[in-house]
Amino acid sequence: MELLNGLVETINEYLWGYILIVMLISIGIYFTFKTKFVQFRLFREMFRLLGDGIDSGKKQEGKISSFQAFCISTASRVGTGNIAGIAIAIVTGGPGAIFWMWLIALIGSASSFVESTLAQIYKIKDGKSFRGGPAYYMEQGLNKRWMGVIFSVLITLCFAFVFNAVQANTVSLAFKNAFGIERIVMGVILSVLTAVVIFGGVHRIAKISEIIVPIFAVLYILVSLFIVIKNITLIPGVISDIFTSALNFREMTVGIFAGTILTGIKRGLFSNEAGMGSAPNAAAIANVTHPVKQGLIQSLGVFTDTIVICSCTAFMVLLYQDYSTIGLTGIELTQAALSYHIGSIGHIFIAVCIFLFAFSSIVGNYYYGESNLEFMFESKIILNIFRAMVVGMVMFGSLAKIQIVWDLADLFMGLMAIINLIAIVMLGKYAFIALKDYEKQKKSGIKDPVFDPSKIAGLENITSWNDEEEVSEII
């Protein structure tokens, strides 16, 4: 076991420390230029589309709205890492890690736009709804089903099983510390809630995510704003520390400087998942008139996760003057920081937030597994066995923690990201053309652009954009 653990750690070090960081940054920059900085140019359009998605969700009976799809992907993105992970990043890489986390999010938004637009282009019908994602555009766009199958196996193992066990583990520990509730009790509660939601299908997942995500996100942001306003005179110093720590080349050794950059970039990538191939699974299910709409909305998800939610945790911790000397890290540091700012209720607030963060992540992560399982097998029996296994992993994660399992998850996720990045670079031209088509229609005065795949040369195996009745329903 020690030999295997050492091997996996070594592979992860090279995979995440060199290969993936170079690929994600370079490809993100490439997409940023090819889309003419779409994540900045159309920022206002993203919010407009999100608002339209909320309204359309009330009209689409049996359909998944763009807002619901956004909530499912945000539910998976925004997990315990946004609370515990940011504290770890600050302790490990210093305040400067936050700057690099912001930078990678801004760059990664372009990758998120491309992968989610492609997921919409190549989505397929699933009854009255849709499904899709990297596995589907690998099969239909690249004619490489084998590539899609490998991706499906990796994302199912990572998200539906291991990452859900991680979320459950954090919840059980937080409630044990805050309320003295035994971990087995929290395990049972989480398992039952998970079973109720996931056995209800994607529509129940969408409804739960649509409720939980906005509530806990707004609550967390409001508490953060209260802390910032309460300590407003200290904010200039905190911001100065972030930028000085990130860019003070002269006073830092090469090792410290590299460590700060790597910590911030890795935390940003783990948090927002841009280019990883996870969020496109949720993006594909949205019922929209043009793929670019959901590409823009999912790009906004990266901003929401990293620039907003992660920054909330960062300011909470950095405004706690003893963060660097108290000897705590992870969730313990965040709890200590919040208790310092708002009193003993901070421990309870963090525990409740963690429950909401983690449960929404479990639900979102499960859907990624379901979508990819259906890519490999068209069997209700297998799907129900899979659901039971997910519930079992939630229970297991609540009670135990085995380091090799988490290290293997990092390995699988890294391999998954490499496969997805290769695919979206090869298919990226169709996302660029779709973007030009969307902007051309908008400039011509069309308020609600409609996608016609026949107008894009070389685009083949498209099955969900030729139904005029379906499009008319959305409009």
Protein backbone atom coordinates (compact mmCIF):
# COMPACT_ATOMS: atom_id res chain seq x y z
CA MET A 1 0.00 0.00 0.00
CA GLU A 2 2.85 2.42 0.84
CA LEU A 3 4.48 1.68 -2.53
CA LEU A 4 1.22 2.39 -4.38
CA ASN A 5 0.65 5.54 -2.35
CA GLY A 6 4.15 6.81 -3.13
CA LEU A 7 3.74 6.07 -6.85
CA VAL A 8 0.40 7.88 -7.04
CA GLU A 9 1.77 10.90 -5.14
CA THR A 10 4.76 11.11 -7.51
CA ILE A 11 2.55 10.92 -10.60
CA ASN A 12 0.21 13.56 -9.17
CA GLU A 13 3.13 15.86 -8.42
CA TYR A 14 4.23 15.88 -12.07
CA LEU A 15 0.69 15.76 -13.44
CA TRP A 16 -0.61 18.73 -11.44
CA GLY A 17 2.68 20.56 -10.89
CA TYR A 18 3.76 20.64 -14.52
CA ILE A 19 1.62 19.04 -17.25
CA LEU A 20 -1.88 20.16 -16.27
CA ILE A 21 -0.98 23.65 -15.16
CA VAL A 22 0.82 24.32 -18.44
CA MET A 23 -2.05 22.85 -20.48
CA LEU A 24 -4.83 24.65 -18.63
CA ILE A 25 -3.14 28.04 -18.67
CA SER A 26 -1.91 27.90 -22.28
CA ILE A 27 -5.22 26.55 -23.61
CA GLY A 28 -7.16 29.09 -21.52
CA ILE A 29 -5.08 31.93 -23.00
CA TYR A 30 -5.54 30.47 -26.52
CA PHE A 31 -9.32 30.37 -26.10
CA THR A 32 -9.32 33.86 -24.59
CA PHE A 33 -7.70 35.28 -27.74
CA LYS A 34 -9.70 33.13 -30.21
CA THR A 35 -12.99 34.28 -28.63
CA LYS A 36 -11.71 37.86 -28.46
CA PHE A 37 -11.90 37.90 -24.65
CA VAL A 38 -15.48 36.65 -24.54
CA GLN A 39 -15.45 36.38 -20.72
CA PHE A 40 -14.97 40.15 -20.47
CA ARG A 41 -16.76 41.44 -23.59
CA LEU A 42 -20.05 39.66 -22.89
CA PHE A 43 -20.03 39.84 -19.09
CA ARG A 44 -23.26 41.87 -18.96
CA GLU A 45 -24.86 39.48 -21.44
CA MET A 46 -24.13 36.59 -19.06
CA PHE A 47 -26.22 38.20 -16.30
CA ARG A 48 -29.02 39.04 -18.74
CA LEU A 49 -29.16 35.43 -19.94
CA LEU A 50 -29.12 34.12 -16.38
CA GLY A 51 -32.10 36.34 -15.57
CA ASP A 52 -33.93 35.12 -18.67
CA GLY A 53 -33.16 31.57 -17.55
CA ILE A 54 -34.91 32.13 -14.22
CA ASP A 55 -38.04 33.34 -16.02
CA SER A 56 -37.98 30.58 -18.65
CA GLY A 57 -37.71 27.93 -15.93
CA LYS A 58 -41.29 28.75 -14.90
CA LYS A 59 -42.58 28.11 -18.43
CA GLN A 60 -40.81 24.90 -19.43
CA GLU A 61 -42.85 22.00 -18.12
CA GLY A 62 -40.69 18.88 -18.05
CA LYS A 63 -37.63 20.80 -19.27
CA ILE A 64 -34.43 21.87 -17.53
CA SER A 65 -33.96 25.64 -17.78
CA SER A 66 -30.62 27.34 -18.32
CA PHE A 67 -30.78 28.66 -14.73
CA GLN A 68 -31.38 25.15 -13.33
CA ALA A 69 -28.44 23.80 -15.36
CA PHE A 70 -26.32 26.66 -14.01
CA CYS A 71 -27.38 25.72 -10.45
CA ILE A 72 -26.50 22.03 -10.96
CA SER A 73 -22.98 22.88 -12.17
CA THR A 74 -22.53 25.51 -9.45
CA ALA A 75 -23.72 22.98 -6.88
CA SER A 76 -20.89 20.68 -7.93
CA ARG A 77 -18.29 23.47 -8.21
CA VAL A 78 -19.10 25.14 -4.91
CA GLY A 79 -18.23 22.57 -2.27
CA THR A 80 -16.31 22.30 0.95
CA GLY A 81 -13.17 23.31 -0.95
CA ASN A 82 -14.50 26.85 -1.08
CA ILE A 83 -14.43 26.97 2.72
CA ALA A 84 -11.64 24.61 3.77
CA GLY A 85 -9.58 24.66 0.57
CA ILE A 86 -9.05 28.41 0.46
CA ALA A 87 -7.80 28.41 4.06
CA ILE A 88 -5.32 25.69 3.11
CA ALA A 89 -4.18 27.74 0.09
CA ILE A 90 -3.52 30.81 2.25
CA VAL A 91 -1.55 28.84 4.86
CA THR A 92 0.43 26.98 2.19
CA GLY A 93 1.02 29.71 -0.40
CA GLY A 94 0.44 32.90 1.56
CA PRO A 95 -1.99 35.72 0.65
CA GLY A 96 -0.47 35.87 -2.84
CA ALA A 97 -2.07 32.54 -3.70
CA ILE A 98 -5.42 34.37 -3.87
CA PHE A 99 -4.16 36.63 -6.67
CA TRP A 100 -3.12 33.65 -8.79
CA MET A 101 -6.43 31.97 -7.99
CA TRP A 102 -8.26 35.02 -9.37
CA LEU A 103 -6.06 35.10 -12.47
CA ILE A 104 -6.59 31.44 -13.36
CA ALA A 105 -10.35 31.90 -12.96
CA LEU A 106 -10.40 34.82 -15.39
CA ILE A 107 -8.35 32.84 -17.93
CA GLY A 108 -10.26 29.62 -17.33
CA SER A 109 -13.62 31.28 -18.02
CA ALA A 110 -12.82 31.11 -21.74
CA SER A 111 -12.17 27.35 -21.52
CA SER A 112 -15.43 26.94 -19.64
CA PHE A 113 -17.26 28.85 -22.37
CA VAL A 114 -15.82 26.62 -25.12
CA GLU A 115 -16.45 23.26 -23.42
CA SER A 116 -20.00 24.17 -22.38
CA THR A 117 -20.88 25.52 -25.83
CA LEU A 118 -19.61 22.28 -27.38
CA ALA A 119 -21.68 20.28 -24.89
CA GLN A 120 -24.78 22.15 -26.05
CA ILE A 121 -23.96 21.69 -29.75
CA TYR A 122 -23.52 17.92 -29.42
CA LYS A 123 -26.22 17.20 -26.80
CA ILE A 124 -28.73 14.41 -27.45
CA LYS A 125 -32.41 13.90 -26.62
CA ASP A 126 -33.29 12.13 -23.36
CA GLY A 127 -37.07 11.93 -23.36
CA LYS A 128 -38.32 15.50 -22.99
CA SER A 129 -34.93 16.64 -21.71
CA PHE A 130 -31.35 16.44 -22.97
CA ARG A 131 -28.04 15.02 -21.86
CA GLY A 132 -24.50 15.48 -23.05
CA GLY A 133 -20.98 16.47 -22.05
CA PRO A 134 -17.40 15.64 -23.05
CA ALA A 135 -18.10 11.94 -23.68
CA TYR A 136 -20.82 12.89 -26.13
CA TYR A 137 -18.81 15.46 -28.09
CA MET A 138 -15.87 13.05 -28.19
CA GLU A 139 -18.10 10.42 -29.80
CA GLN A 140 -20.12 12.66 -32.11
CA GLY A 141 -17.61 15.40 -32.86
CA LEU A 142 -14.39 13.37 -33.00
CA ASN A 143 -15.93 9.96 -33.83
CA LYS A 144 -13.94 8.48 -30.94
CA ARG A 145 -16.34 6.59 -28.69
CA TRP A 146 -13.41 4.86 -26.96
CA MET A 147 -12.20 8.28 -25.81
CA GLY A 148 -15.64 9.09 -24.45
CA VAL A 149 -15.83 5.78 -22.58
CA ILE A 150 -12.46 6.39 -20.88
CA PHE A 151 -13.59 9.89 -19.88
CA SER A 152 -16.91 8.53 -18.57
CA VAL A 153 -15.19 5.95 -16.37
CA LEU A 154 -12.82 8.54 -14.92
CA ILE A 155 -15.45 11.20 -14.14
CA THR A 156 -17.82 8.62 -12.63
CA LEU A 157 -15.13 7.28 -10.29
CA CYS A 158 -13.99 10.79 -9.33
CA PHE A 159 -17.19 12.73 -8.86
CA ALA A 160 -19.96 10.24 -8.10
CA PHE A 161 -17.91 8.07 -5.73
CA VAL A 162 -14.73 9.54 -4.29
CA PHE A 163 -15.55 13.27 -4.28
CA ASN A 164 -18.93 12.54 -2.75
CA ALA A 165 -17.22 10.55 -0.02
CA VAL A 166 -14.93 13.55 0.60
CA GLN A 167 -17.91 15.90 0.95
CA ALA A 168 -19.67 13.53 3.36
CA ASN A 169 -16.48 13.16 5.40
CA THR A 170 -16.17 16.92 5.85
CA VAL A 171 -19.83 17.28 6.88
CA SER A 172 -19.65 14.53 9.51
CA LEU A 173 -16.48 16.05 11.02
CA ALA A 174 -17.92 19.59 11.04
CA PHE A 175 -21.12 18.51 12.80
CA LYS A 176 -19.17 16.39 15.28
CA ASN A 177 -17.09 19.45 16.22
CA ALA A 178 -19.95 21.97 16.23
CA PHE A 179 -22.81 19.99 17.77
CA GLY A 180 -21.29 16.76 19.10
CA ILE A 181 -23.42 14.71 16.67
CA GLU A 182 -21.90 11.27 16.07
CA ARG A 183 -20.51 10.78 12.58
CA ILE A 184 -22.61 7.68 11.97
CA VAL A 185 -25.78 9.71 12.65
CA MET A 186 -24.77 12.36 10.11
CA GLY A 187 -23.86 9.57 7.71
CA VAL A 188 -27.37 8.12 7.91
CA ILE A 189 -28.99 11.56 7.52
CA LEU A 190 -26.86 12.44 4.48
CA SER A 191 -27.38 9.01 2.91
CA VAL A 192 -31.17 9.18 3.25
CA LEU A 193 -31.35 12.73 1.85
CA THR A 194 -29.07 11.75 -1.03
CA ALA A 195 -31.20 8.70 -1.86
CA VAL A 196 -34.43 10.73 -1.85
CA VAL A 197 -32.99 13.24 -4.31
CA ILE A 198 -31.03 11.06 -6.74
CA PHE A 199 -33.68 8.35 -7.07
CA GLY A 200 -36.04 11.15 -8.11
CA GLY A 201 -34.10 11.78 -11.33
CA VAL A 202 -32.57 14.84 -12.97
CA HIS A 203 -35.67 17.03 -12.53
CA ARG A 204 -35.61 16.58 -8.75
CA ILE A 205 -31.85 17.27 -8.78
CA ALA A 206 -32.51 20.47 -10.75
CA LYS A 207 -35.23 21.60 -8.36
CA ILE A 208 -33.12 20.94 -5.25
CA SER A 209 -30.08 22.71 -6.75
CA GLU A 210 -32.26 25.65 -7.84
CA ILE A 211 -33.33 26.13 -4.20
CA ILE A 212 -30.14 25.34 -2.26
CA VAL A 213 -27.50 27.06 -4.41
CA PRO A 214 -28.92 30.62 -4.41
CA ILE A 215 -29.85 30.48 -0.71
CA PHE A 216 -26.51 29.33 0.68
CA ALA A 217 -24.49 31.40 -1.79
CA VAL A 218 -26.32 34.63 -0.91
CA LEU A 219 -26.19 33.86 2.84
CA TYR A 220 -22.47 33.18 2.72
CA ILE A 221 -21.81 36.35 0.71
CA LEU A 222 -23.90 38.48 3.09
CA VAL A 223 -21.97 37.26 6.14
CA SER A 224 -18.72 37.95 4.28
CA LEU A 225 -19.87 41.46 3.36
CA PHE A 226 -20.77 42.09 7.00
CA ILE A 227 -17.25 41.07 8.05
CA VAL A 228 -15.67 43.23 5.32
CA ILE A 229 -17.77 46.28 6.27
CA LYS A 230 -17.04 45.70 9.97
CA ASN A 231 -13.30 45.70 9.14
CA ILE A 232 -13.41 48.21 6.29
CA THR A 233 -10.35 50.12 7.51
CA LEU A 234 -8.26 46.92 7.22
CA ILE A 235 -9.32 46.08 3.65
CA PRO A 236 -6.68 48.21 1.86
CA GLY A 237 -3.97 46.43 3.85
CA VAL A 238 -5.40 42.98 3.04
CA ILE A 239 -5.58 43.76 -0.69
CA SER A 240 -2.05 45.14 -0.54
CA ASP A 241 -0.86 41.91 1.13
CA ILE A 242 -2.46 39.81 -1.63
CA PHE A 243 -0.79 41.72 -4.46
CA THR A 244 2.53 42.23 -2.67
CA SER A 245 2.79 38.56 -1.77
CA ALA A 246 1.94 37.56 -5.35
CA LEU A 247 4.17 40.00 -7.23
CA ASN A 248 7.05 40.88 -4.91
CA PHE A 249 9.66 39.08 -7.02
CA ARG A 250 12.71 40.65 -5.42
CA GLU A 251 12.11 39.66 -1.80
CA MET A 252 10.97 36.08 -2.45
CA THR A 253 13.15 33.10 -3.22
CA VAL A 254 12.41 31.17 -6.40
CA GLY A 255 10.96 28.30 -4.37
CA ILE A 256 8.58 30.47 -2.36
CA PHE A 257 7.49 32.39 -5.46
CA ALA A 258 6.83 29.17 -7.41
CA GLY A 259 5.01 27.70 -4.42
CA THR A 260 2.70 30.72 -4.18
CA ILE A 261 1.86 30.55 -7.89
CA LEU A 262 1.31 26.79 -7.93
CA THR A 263 -0.84 26.85 -4.80
CA GLY A 264 -3.07 29.62 -6.15
CA ILE A 265 -3.40 28.06 -9.60
CA LYS A 266 -4.10 24.57 -8.27
CA ARG A 267 -6.70 25.90 -5.82
CA GLY A 268 -8.35 27.90 -8.60
CA LEU A 269 -8.44 24.91 -10.95
CA PHE A 270 -9.77 22.55 -8.29
CA SER A 271 -12.40 25.09 -7.31
CA ASN A 272 -13.85 26.29 -10.61
CA GLU A 273 -13.11 23.14 -12.70
CA ALA A 274 -12.73 25.24 -15.88
CA GLY A 275 -11.52 22.97 -18.68
CA MET A 276 -11.85 19.84 -16.55
CA GLY A 277 -14.89 18.52 -18.40
CA SER A 278 -17.26 18.33 -15.43
CA ALA A 279 -19.50 21.41 -15.84
CA PRO A 280 -20.35 20.62 -19.53
CA ASN A 281 -22.38 17.65 -18.31
CA ALA A 282 -24.77 20.10 -16.64
CA ALA A 283 -24.53 22.68 -19.44
CA ALA A 284 -25.77 20.16 -22.00
CA ILE A 285 -29.14 19.59 -20.33
CA ALA A 286 -30.33 23.21 -20.58
CA ASN A 287 -33.19 23.96 -22.95
CA VAL A 288 -31.97 27.04 -24.86
CA THR A 289 -32.29 28.43 -28.38
CA HIS A 290 -28.55 28.76 -28.99
CA PRO A 291 -25.51 26.87 -27.57
CA VAL A 292 -23.63 30.10 -26.88
CA LYS A 293 -26.26 31.12 -24.32
CA GLN A 294 -25.34 28.26 -22.00
CA GLY A 295 -21.65 28.68 -22.77
CA LEU A 296 -21.85 32.24 -21.45
CA ILE A 297 -23.90 31.25 -18.40
CA GLN A 298 -21.44 28.48 -17.47
CA SER A 299 -18.56 30.92 -17.90
CA LEU A 300 -20.31 33.09 -15.32
CA GLY A 301 -20.27 30.04 -13.02
CA VAL A 302 -16.46 30.20 -12.89
CA PHE A 303 -16.67 33.84 -11.83
CA THR A 304 -19.31 33.02 -9.19
CA ASP A 305 -17.29 30.18 -7.72
CA THR A 306 -13.83 31.71 -7.58
CA ILE A 307 -14.04 35.48 -7.76
CA VAL A 308 -17.07 35.65 -5.44
CA ILE A 309 -17.42 32.60 -3.14
CA CYS A 310 -13.71 31.76 -2.74
CA SER A 311 -12.89 35.42 -2.19
CA CYS A 312 -15.45 35.53 0.63
CA THR A 313 -13.52 32.84 2.49
CA ALA A 314 -10.19 34.48 1.66
CA PHE A 315 -11.20 37.84 3.19
CA MET A 316 -12.67 36.13 6.28
CA VAL A 317 -9.35 34.39 6.91
CA LEU A 318 -7.04 37.27 5.98
CA LEU A 319 -8.98 39.68 8.23
CA TYR A 320 -8.27 37.29 11.12
CA GLN A 321 -4.97 38.66 12.40
CA ASP A 322 -3.78 35.37 13.91
CA TYR A 323 -4.34 33.22 10.79
CA SER A 324 -0.62 32.73 10.19
CA THR A 325 0.38 32.03 13.79
CA ILE A 326 -2.47 30.04 15.31
CA GLY A 327 -1.25 26.78 13.77
CA LEU A 328 -4.59 25.82 12.18
CA THR A 329 -5.48 25.07 8.57
CA GLY A 330 -8.45 23.97 6.50
CA ILE A 331 -11.89 23.97 8.05
CA GLU A 332 -10.53 24.55 11.57
CA LEU A 333 -8.90 27.82 10.48
CA THR A 334 -12.04 29.04 8.74
CA GLN A 335 -14.13 28.23 11.82
CA ALA A 336 -11.66 30.04 14.07
CA ALA A 337 -11.64 33.08 11.76
CA LEU A 338 -15.41 33.29 11.60
CA SER A 339 -15.77 32.88 15.36
CA TYR A 340 -13.29 35.73 15.78
CA HIS A 341 -15.46 37.95 13.57
CA ILE A 342 -19.01 37.06 14.69
CA GLY A 343 -18.60 35.16 17.95
CA SER A 344 -19.21 31.54 18.91
CA ILE A 345 -22.08 31.26 16.44
CA GLY A 346 -19.37 31.15 13.74
CA HIS A 347 -18.76 27.44 14.37
CA ILE A 348 -22.47 26.71 13.93
CA PHE A 349 -22.75 28.91 10.83
CA ILE A 350 -19.79 27.19 9.17
CA ALA A 351 -21.19 23.75 10.01
CA VAL A 352 -24.55 24.64 8.44
CA CYS A 353 -22.86 26.19 5.38
CA ILE A 354 -20.70 23.12 4.99
CA PHE A 355 -23.79 20.93 5.10
CA LEU A 356 -25.45 22.97 2.35
CA PHE A 357 -22.24 23.26 0.30
CA ALA A 358 -21.51 19.56 0.60
CA PHE A 359 -25.03 18.26 0.02
CA SER A 360 -25.45 20.39 -3.10
CA SER A 361 -22.06 19.10 -4.31
CA ILE A 362 -23.10 15.50 -3.69
CA VAL A 363 -26.22 16.04 -5.78
CA GLY A 364 -24.32 17.80 -8.59
CA ASN A 365 -21.49 15.27 -8.58
CA TYR A 366 -23.97 12.40 -8.74
CA TYR A 367 -25.58 13.84 -11.87
CA TYR A 368 -22.22 13.93 -13.65
CA GLY A 369 -21.86 10.23 -12.93
CA GLU A 370 -25.41 9.46 -14.06
CA SER A 371 -25.01 11.30 -17.37
CA ASN A 372 -21.79 9.45 -18.16
CA LEU A 373 -23.14 6.10 -17.01
CA GLU A 374 -26.02 6.53 -19.46
CA PHE A 375 -23.45 7.22 -22.18
CA MET A 376 -21.96 3.77 -21.56
CA PHE A 377 -25.08 1.76 -20.64
CA GLU A 378 -28.76 2.18 -21.50
CA SER A 379 -30.04 0.19 -18.54
CA LYS A 380 -32.34 1.26 -15.71
CA ILE A 381 -31.12 -1.68 -13.60
CA ILE A 382 -27.49 -0.57 -13.85
CA LEU A 383 -28.56 3.02 -13.12
CA ASN A 384 -30.37 2.00 -9.92
CA ILE A 385 -27.40 -0.14 -8.80
CA PHE A 386 -25.18 2.89 -9.43
CA ARG A 387 -27.49 5.09 -7.32
CA ALA A 388 -27.34 2.60 -4.45
CA MET A 389 -23.52 2.55 -4.68
CA VAL A 390 -23.40 6.37 -4.53
CA VAL A 391 -25.52 6.32 -1.36
CA GLY A 392 -23.15 3.68 0.06
CA MET A 393 -20.11 5.87 -0.71
CA VAL A 394 -21.75 8.81 1.09
CA MET A 395 -22.16 6.61 4.16
CA PHE A 396 -18.60 5.30 3.85
CA GLY A 397 -17.18 8.80 3.48
CA SER A 398 -19.02 9.96 6.62
CA LEU A 399 -17.19 7.38 8.73
CA ALA A 400 -13.74 6.86 7.24
CA LYS A 401 -10.91 8.53 5.41
CA ILE A 402 -8.31 6.67 3.39
CA GLN A 403 -5.64 8.92 1.87
CA ILE A 404 -4.92 6.67 -1.11
CA VAL A 405 -8.53 7.03 -2.26
CA TRP A 406 -8.25 10.82 -2.38
CA ASP A 407 -4.88 10.64 -4.14
CA LEU A 408 -6.33 8.29 -6.76
CA ALA A 409 -9.19 10.76 -7.28
CA ASP A 410 -6.63 13.50 -8.01
CA LEU A 411 -4.96 11.17 -10.51
CA PHE A 412 -8.21 10.25 -12.26
CA MET A 413 -9.31 13.89 -12.37
CA GLY A 414 -6.00 14.93 -13.88
CA LEU A 415 -6.26 12.29 -16.60
CA MET A 416 -9.88 13.27 -17.20
CA ALA A 417 -8.86 16.92 -17.67
CA ILE A 418 -6.10 16.03 -20.16
CA ILE A 419 -8.51 14.00 -22.31
CA ASN A 420 -11.10 16.81 -22.23
CA LEU A 421 -8.58 19.55 -23.05
CA ILE A 422 -7.35 17.62 -26.09
CA ALA A 423 -10.96 17.21 -27.28
CA ILE A 424 -12.00 20.85 -26.87
CA VAL A 425 -8.87 22.11 -28.65
CA MET A 426 -9.69 19.83 -31.59
CA LEU A 427 -13.37 20.89 -31.66
CA GLY A 428 -12.92 24.49 -30.50
CA LYS A 429 -13.43 25.95 -33.98
CA TYR A 430 -17.14 25.08 -33.83
CA ALA A 431 -17.55 27.00 -30.57
CA PHE A 432 -15.80 30.01 -32.17
CA ILE A 433 -18.10 29.87 -35.21
CA ALA A 434 -21.17 29.50 -32.97
CA LEU A 435 -20.08 32.58 -31.03
CA LYS A 436 -19.72 34.60 -34.24
CA ASP A 437 -23.17 33.42 -35.34
CA TYR A 438 -24.71 34.44 -32.00
CA GLU A 439 -23.12 37.91 -32.07
CA LYS A 440 -24.05 38.40 -35.74
CA GLN A 441 -27.71 37.68 -34.98
CA LYS A 442 -27.64 40.02 -31.98
CA LYS A 443 -26.13 42.84 -34.06
CA SER A 444 -28.78 42.35 -36.75
CA GLY A 445 -31.48 43.10 -34.19
CA ILE A 446 -32.54 39.55 -33.30
CA LYS A 447 -33.25 39.62 -29.58
CA ASP A 448 -33.25 35.83 -29.13
CA PRO A 449 -30.74 34.18 -31.54
CA VAL A 450 -31.60 30.68 -32.80
CA PHE A 451 -28.96 28.09 -33.70
CA ASP A 452 -29.04 26.44 -37.13
CA PRO A 453 -26.32 23.74 -37.38
CA SER A 454 -26.72 23.52 -41.18
CA LYS A 455 -25.05 26.94 -41.46
CA ILE A 456 -21.80 25.67 -39.92
CA ALA A 457 -19.59 23.87 -42.44
CA GLY A 458 -18.20 20.53 -41.29
CA LEU A 459 -20.55 20.17 -38.32
CA GLU A 460 -21.88 16.60 -38.29
CA ASN A 461 -23.80 14.17 -36.05
CA ILE A 462 -26.05 16.89 -34.63
CA THR A 463 -29.35 15.46 -33.41
CA SER A 464 -30.95 18.00 -31.06
CA TRP A 465 -31.01 21.20 -33.11
CA ASN A 466 -33.16 20.14 -36.04
CA ASP A 467 -36.52 20.02 -34.27
CA GLU A 468 -38.39 23.22 -35.19
CA GLU A 469 -41.22 22.39 -32.78
CA GLU A 470 -38.70 22.06 -29.92
CA VAL A 471 -37.14 25.44 -30.72
CA SER A 472 -40.54 27.13 -30.96
CA GLU A 473 -41.39 25.81 -27.46
CA ILE A 474 -38.33 27.52 -25.98
CA ILE A 475 -39.02 30.82 -27.72
